[in-house]
Amino acid sequence: MTNNSNNSGLKPDWLRVKAPQVERIGNTANLLKDLNLNTVCQEASCPNIGECFASGTATFLIMGPGCTRACPYCDIDFDRSKRDLDYTEPYRLAEAVYRMKLKHVVITSVNRDDLEDGGASQFYKCVSEVRKKSLETTIELLIPDFCGNWHALEKVLDSKPDVLNHNIETVSSLYKKVRPQGEYERTLELLKRTRNYSPQVYTKSGFMLGLGEKDEEVLNLLMDLKRNYVDIITIGQYLSPGPNHLPVQRFVSPSKFNYFKLFGENELGFMQVVSSPLTRSSYQAEEIQKLMKQYPR
């Protein structure tokens, strides 16, 4: 199979982002600053920050901004020091969701390997507080692997999120390079355990292209995710945050992204595969509400 891609160092035309509405960005940023909240949009230098902020949406980053892991693809700051949890954070996050009138909220976190439960209790409290103030808002959690602490996973699932997302990030052969503190099989097990423990929860995972994977490996990855009961997949182009991060090995064309989408939906039967160069794990996540009506649980 050929790789329909662009291997030059210059970004291709399909990776250009439209200029956002500055006023709407400012309103969202000011609200987040007022409530002292972090977003993955800002901390991870997401290319869609303009579009999302302009539409009044954001993916909240709890227990941060520093992360106890130093994955070489990620732009979030590394911080191994032990930090106490901010127990006011769930209340402030719930207030932001209420003020922004969000129909769907995504809550993610940095890795907190310094905590006994990896921060599972903070996820639980955030969901609980959002439910109190915004009963109709659907909630998606994008969680770390908790170092394989399955009791922590169950604690998170006991909060009854609508969607549980854990990104696999890349193919198995690249794990030691891309996610040196993660494990490919552990990620698959987390997703499988989620379905077994909470069958009503929609499961989701995502990964990047452009790190050196082969097309055949991507197809095998999709099959692994299907075998472990994942409903929704996101696939996007890896963009290196800077010279100290992993370089881009190839720029994958939109047609190749569409090929993986069609393979996932038509051949494997995923509920949805969102696949494009600028797709990120929580980009346009609010569309899950349509899927929940189409595929009720």
Protein backbone atom coordinates (compact mmCIF):
# COMPACT_ATOMS: atom_id res chain seq x y z
CA MET A 1 0.00 0.00 0.00
CA THR A 2 1.39 3.40 -0.91
CA ASN A 3 1.59 6.28 1.54
CA ASN A 4 -0.38 9.12 -0.04
CA SER A 5 1.42 11.80 1.91
CA ASN A 6 3.68 14.83 1.84
CA ASN A 7 7.10 14.26 3.42
CA SER A 8 8.50 17.79 3.05
CA GLY A 9 9.26 19.95 6.05
CA LEU A 10 6.75 22.64 4.99
CA LYS A 11 3.15 22.36 6.11
CA PRO A 12 0.82 21.63 3.18
CA ASP A 13 -2.14 23.84 2.29
CA TRP A 14 -4.65 21.55 4.00
CA LEU A 15 -3.16 22.37 7.42
CA ARG A 16 -3.90 26.07 7.23
CA VAL A 17 -6.29 27.31 9.93
CA LYS A 18 -8.80 30.08 9.30
CA ALA A 19 -8.45 33.27 11.32
CA PRO A 20 -10.94 33.22 14.23
CA GLN A 21 -13.22 35.89 15.62
CA VAL A 22 -11.00 37.75 18.07
CA GLU A 23 -13.86 39.09 20.20
CA ARG A 24 -15.33 35.63 20.91
CA ILE A 25 -11.88 34.24 21.71
CA GLY A 26 -11.33 37.04 24.17
CA ASN A 27 -14.64 36.44 25.92
CA THR A 28 -13.89 32.75 26.48
CA ALA A 29 -10.30 33.38 27.53
CA ASN A 30 -11.40 36.08 30.00
CA LEU A 31 -13.98 33.80 31.58
CA LEU A 32 -11.39 31.04 32.02
CA LYS A 33 -8.93 33.50 33.51
CA ASP A 34 -11.60 34.89 35.84
CA LEU A 35 -12.32 31.40 37.19
CA ASN A 36 -8.63 30.40 37.22
CA LEU A 37 -9.14 27.38 34.96
CA ASN A 38 -6.77 25.68 32.54
CA THR A 39 -7.68 24.33 29.11
CA VAL A 40 -5.89 21.79 26.99
CA CYS A 41 -6.58 24.18 24.11
CA GLN A 42 -4.03 26.60 25.58
CA GLU A 43 -1.61 24.27 27.37
CA ALA A 44 -1.18 21.84 24.46
CA SER A 45 -1.12 24.51 21.72
CA CYS A 46 -4.11 23.04 19.89
CA PRO A 47 -4.44 24.31 16.29
CA ASN A 48 -8.23 24.56 16.69
CA ILE A 49 -8.15 26.93 19.66
CA GLY A 50 -9.40 29.84 17.59
CA GLU A 51 -12.42 28.00 16.22
CA CYS A 52 -13.36 26.47 19.55
CA PHE A 53 -12.91 29.63 21.63
CA ALA A 54 -14.79 31.63 19.00
CA SER A 55 -17.74 29.23 19.31
CA GLY A 56 -17.67 29.45 23.11
CA THR A 57 -16.37 25.94 23.80
CA ALA A 58 -13.29 24.61 25.55
CA THR A 59 -11.78 21.38 26.84
CA PHE A 60 -11.05 21.85 30.52
CA LEU A 61 -7.70 20.64 31.85
CA ILE A 62 -7.89 19.73 35.53
CA MET A 63 -5.14 19.08 38.08
CA GLY A 64 -2.65 20.99 35.93
CA PRO A 65 -1.08 22.64 34.20
CA GLY A 66 2.09 20.58 34.90
CA CYS A 67 2.21 16.88 33.94
CA THR A 68 4.21 14.13 35.69
CA ARG A 69 5.08 12.55 32.33
CA ALA A 70 7.25 14.03 29.60
CA CYS A 71 5.87 12.52 26.40
CA PRO A 72 8.05 13.81 23.55
CA TYR A 73 5.09 14.69 21.32
CA CYS A 74 3.22 16.83 23.88
CA ASP A 75 3.56 20.55 24.61
CA ILE A 76 2.21 20.43 28.18
CA ASP A 77 4.84 21.37 30.77
CA PHE A 78 6.61 18.57 32.67
CA ASP A 79 6.33 18.76 36.47
CA ARG A 80 7.19 15.80 38.67
CA SER A 81 6.87 17.66 41.97
CA LYS A 82 4.06 16.59 44.28
CA ARG A 83 1.24 19.12 44.27
CA ASP A 84 -1.88 19.18 46.40
CA LEU A 85 -5.18 19.03 44.58
CA ASP A 86 -7.19 22.23 44.44
CA TYR A 87 -10.48 21.21 46.00
CA THR A 88 -12.21 24.34 44.72
CA GLU A 89 -11.48 23.39 41.11
CA PRO A 90 -14.62 21.25 40.58
CA TYR A 91 -16.83 24.14 41.73
CA ARG A 92 -15.09 26.65 39.48
CA LEU A 93 -15.28 24.29 36.53
CA ALA A 94 -19.00 23.74 37.09
CA GLU A 95 -19.50 27.50 37.21
CA ALA A 96 -17.71 27.91 33.87
CA VAL A 97 -19.87 25.23 32.22
CA TYR A 98 -22.96 26.98 33.59
CA ARG A 99 -21.89 30.46 32.43
CA MET A 100 -20.90 29.22 28.98
CA LYS A 101 -24.23 27.37 28.65
CA LEU A 102 -22.40 24.33 27.30
CA LYS A 103 -24.51 21.52 25.90
CA HIS A 104 -21.50 19.20 25.97
CA VAL A 105 -18.35 19.54 28.05
CA VAL A 106 -15.02 17.73 27.77
CA ILE A 107 -12.96 17.36 30.94
CA THR A 108 -9.41 16.06 30.70
CA SER A 109 -6.33 16.16 32.90
CA VAL A 110 -2.60 15.99 32.99
CA ASN A 111 -1.08 12.75 34.25
CA ARG A 112 -0.81 12.85 38.04
CA ASP A 113 1.24 9.77 38.78
CA ASP A 114 2.19 11.38 42.11
CA LEU A 115 -1.35 10.80 43.41
CA GLU A 116 -2.45 7.43 44.79
CA ASP A 117 -5.53 7.31 42.57
CA GLY A 118 -4.03 9.31 39.70
CA GLY A 119 -6.65 12.01 40.23
CA ALA A 120 -9.71 9.77 39.82
CA SER A 121 -11.41 11.40 42.80
CA GLN A 122 -11.01 14.84 41.21
CA PHE A 123 -12.67 13.63 38.01
CA TYR A 124 -15.53 12.25 40.12
CA LYS A 125 -16.02 15.56 41.94
CA CYS A 126 -15.91 17.57 38.72
CA VAL A 127 -18.64 15.46 37.14
CA SER A 128 -20.74 15.67 40.29
CA GLU A 129 -20.56 19.47 40.45
CA VAL A 130 -21.29 19.93 36.75
CA ARG A 131 -24.37 17.72 37.10
CA LYS A 132 -25.65 19.90 39.95
CA LYS A 133 -25.50 23.15 37.96
CA SER A 134 -26.04 21.93 34.38
CA LEU A 135 -28.25 18.87 34.49
CA GLU A 136 -28.82 18.72 30.71
CA THR A 137 -25.13 19.00 29.78
CA THR A 138 -23.57 15.80 28.47
CA ILE A 139 -20.15 15.06 29.91
CA GLU A 140 -17.12 13.54 28.22
CA LEU A 141 -14.04 12.57 30.21
CA LEU A 142 -10.64 12.21 28.55
CA ILE A 143 -8.62 10.34 31.15
CA PRO A 144 -5.04 9.12 31.69
CA ASP A 145 -4.28 5.43 32.22
CA PHE A 146 -3.90 5.73 36.03
CA CYS A 147 -0.85 3.41 35.69
CA GLY A 148 -3.24 0.48 35.43
CA ASN A 149 -5.05 1.20 38.70
CA TRP A 150 -8.42 -0.29 37.77
CA HIS A 151 -10.03 0.76 41.06
CA ALA A 152 -9.28 4.36 40.02
CA LEU A 153 -10.92 3.72 36.64
CA GLU A 154 -14.02 2.36 38.37
CA LYS A 155 -14.13 5.44 40.60
CA VAL A 156 -14.24 7.63 37.49
CA LEU A 157 -16.91 5.48 35.86
CA ASP A 158 -19.01 5.61 39.03
CA SER A 159 -19.47 9.33 38.32
CA LYS A 160 -21.53 8.20 35.27
CA PRO A 161 -20.04 10.26 32.43
CA ASP A 162 -21.74 10.02 29.06
CA VAL A 163 -18.47 9.39 27.21
CA LEU A 164 -15.18 7.91 28.41
CA ASN A 165 -12.22 8.77 26.20
CA HIS A 166 -8.68 7.45 26.53
CA ASN A 167 -6.34 8.09 23.62
CA ILE A 168 -4.10 5.32 22.36
CA GLU A 169 -2.06 8.01 20.52
CA THR A 170 -0.01 5.81 18.13
CA VAL A 171 0.65 2.32 16.79
CA SER A 172 2.22 -0.40 18.91
CA SER A 173 5.67 -0.30 17.31
CA LEU A 174 6.15 3.39 18.19
CA TYR A 175 5.04 3.24 21.83
CA LYS A 176 8.49 3.22 23.43
CA LYS A 177 9.43 6.30 21.43
CA VAL A 178 6.16 8.22 21.61
CA ARG A 179 4.70 7.14 24.99
CA PRO A 180 7.66 5.80 27.00
CA GLN A 181 5.63 5.70 30.24
CA GLY A 182 2.54 4.26 28.62
CA GLU A 183 1.69 0.75 27.45
CA TYR A 184 -0.21 -0.16 24.30
CA GLU A 185 -1.88 -3.22 25.87
CA ARG A 186 -2.74 -1.28 29.04
CA THR A 187 -4.61 1.30 26.99
CA LEU A 188 -6.59 -1.41 25.22
CA GLU A 189 -7.38 -3.06 28.55
CA LEU A 190 -8.62 0.23 30.00
CA LEU A 191 -11.04 0.65 27.11
CA LYS A 192 -12.25 -2.94 27.37
CA ARG A 193 -12.72 -2.66 31.13
CA THR A 194 -14.72 0.52 30.63
CA ARG A 195 -17.24 -1.29 28.44
CA ASN A 196 -17.46 -4.26 30.79
CA TYR A 197 -17.91 -2.13 33.93
CA SER A 198 -20.17 0.57 32.44
CA PRO A 199 -21.85 -0.74 29.27
CA GLN A 200 -24.03 2.38 29.06
CA VAL A 201 -20.98 4.65 28.60
CA TYR A 202 -19.86 5.47 25.07
CA THR A 203 -16.15 4.69 24.63
CA LYS A 204 -13.77 6.74 22.58
CA SER A 205 -10.09 6.77 21.62
CA GLY A 206 -7.83 8.66 19.25
CA PHE A 207 -4.41 8.66 17.68
CA MET A 208 -2.03 10.71 15.56
CA LEU A 209 -0.57 10.12 12.11
CA GLY A 210 2.80 11.37 10.96
CA LEU A 211 5.07 9.88 13.63
CA GLY A 212 6.54 7.15 11.43
CA GLU A 213 3.70 4.61 11.38
CA LYS A 214 2.91 2.49 8.33
CA ASP A 215 -0.55 2.38 6.82
CA GLU A 216 -0.88 -1.34 7.57
CA GLU A 217 -0.12 -0.60 11.23
CA VAL A 218 -2.92 1.97 11.31
CA LEU A 219 -5.39 -0.62 10.01
CA ASN A 220 -4.22 -3.08 12.68
CA LEU A 221 -4.60 -0.38 15.34
CA LEU A 222 -8.18 0.27 14.26
CA MET A 223 -8.91 -3.45 14.44
CA ASP A 224 -7.41 -3.63 17.95
CA LEU A 225 -9.63 -0.76 19.09
CA LYS A 226 -12.70 -2.43 17.61
CA ARG A 227 -11.89 -5.70 19.37
CA ASN A 228 -11.77 -3.79 22.65
CA TYR A 229 -15.25 -2.28 22.28
CA VAL A 230 -14.45 1.30 21.28
CA ASP A 231 -17.37 3.22 19.75
CA ILE A 232 -15.80 6.44 18.47
CA ILE A 233 -12.39 7.12 16.92
CA THR A 234 -10.55 10.37 16.24
CA ILE A 235 -7.54 10.52 13.91
CA GLY A 236 -5.46 13.66 13.32
CA GLN A 237 -2.15 14.85 11.95
CA TYR A 238 0.74 15.09 14.42
CA LEU A 239 2.25 18.58 14.48
CA SER A 240 5.51 18.96 16.37
CA PRO A 241 5.26 21.69 19.05
CA GLY A 242 8.94 22.62 18.73
CA PRO A 243 12.56 21.54 18.18
CA ASN A 244 12.71 19.63 21.46
CA HIS A 245 9.79 17.39 20.48
CA LEU A 246 9.48 14.51 18.04
CA PRO A 247 9.72 15.66 14.41
CA VAL A 248 6.96 15.11 11.87
CA GLN A 249 7.81 12.13 9.68
CA ARG A 250 5.12 12.77 7.08
CA PHE A 251 2.13 14.98 6.36
CA VAL A 252 -0.77 12.68 5.56
CA SER A 253 -3.18 13.80 2.85
CA PRO A 254 -6.91 14.40 3.47
CA SER A 255 -7.72 11.54 1.08
CA LYS A 256 -5.71 9.10 3.22
CA PHE A 257 -7.49 10.33 6.35
CA ASN A 258 -10.78 9.70 4.56
CA TYR A 259 -9.62 6.20 3.63
CA PHE A 260 -9.08 5.35 7.32
CA LYS A 261 -12.48 6.84 8.16
CA LEU A 262 -14.25 4.68 5.57
CA PHE A 263 -12.34 1.59 6.66
CA GLY A 264 -13.28 2.18 10.29
CA GLU A 265 -16.95 2.93 9.69
CA ASN A 266 -17.79 0.69 6.72
CA GLU A 267 -15.46 -2.28 7.26
CA LEU A 268 -15.17 -2.39 11.05
CA GLY A 269 -18.49 -0.82 12.06
CA PHE A 270 -17.36 1.94 14.43
CA MET A 271 -20.17 4.24 15.46
CA GLN A 272 -18.14 7.21 14.20
CA VAL A 273 -14.62 7.87 12.90
CA VAL A 274 -13.63 11.55 12.81
CA SER A 275 -10.54 11.63 10.62
CA SER A 276 -8.87 14.69 9.12
CA PRO A 277 -5.53 16.52 9.41
CA LEU A 278 -6.83 19.00 12.00
CA THR A 279 -8.95 16.54 14.00
CA ARG A 280 -8.11 16.43 17.70
CA SER A 281 -9.58 14.17 20.38
CA SER A 282 -12.14 16.69 21.62
CA TYR A 283 -12.67 18.67 18.40
CA GLN A 284 -16.41 19.02 17.66
CA ALA A 285 -17.04 16.57 20.50
CA GLU A 286 -20.54 17.96 20.96
CA GLU A 287 -21.63 15.87 17.96
CA ILE A 288 -21.80 12.92 20.36
CA GLN A 289 -25.30 14.10 21.26
CA LYS A 290 -26.50 13.21 17.77
CA LEU A 291 -24.90 9.79 18.07
CA MET A 292 -26.50 9.19 21.45
CA LYS A 293 -29.92 9.73 19.87
CA GLN A 294 -29.02 7.53 16.90
CA TYR A 295 -27.51 4.77 19.05
CA PRO A 296 -29.29 4.96 22.43
CA ARG A 297 -28.10 2.91 25.39
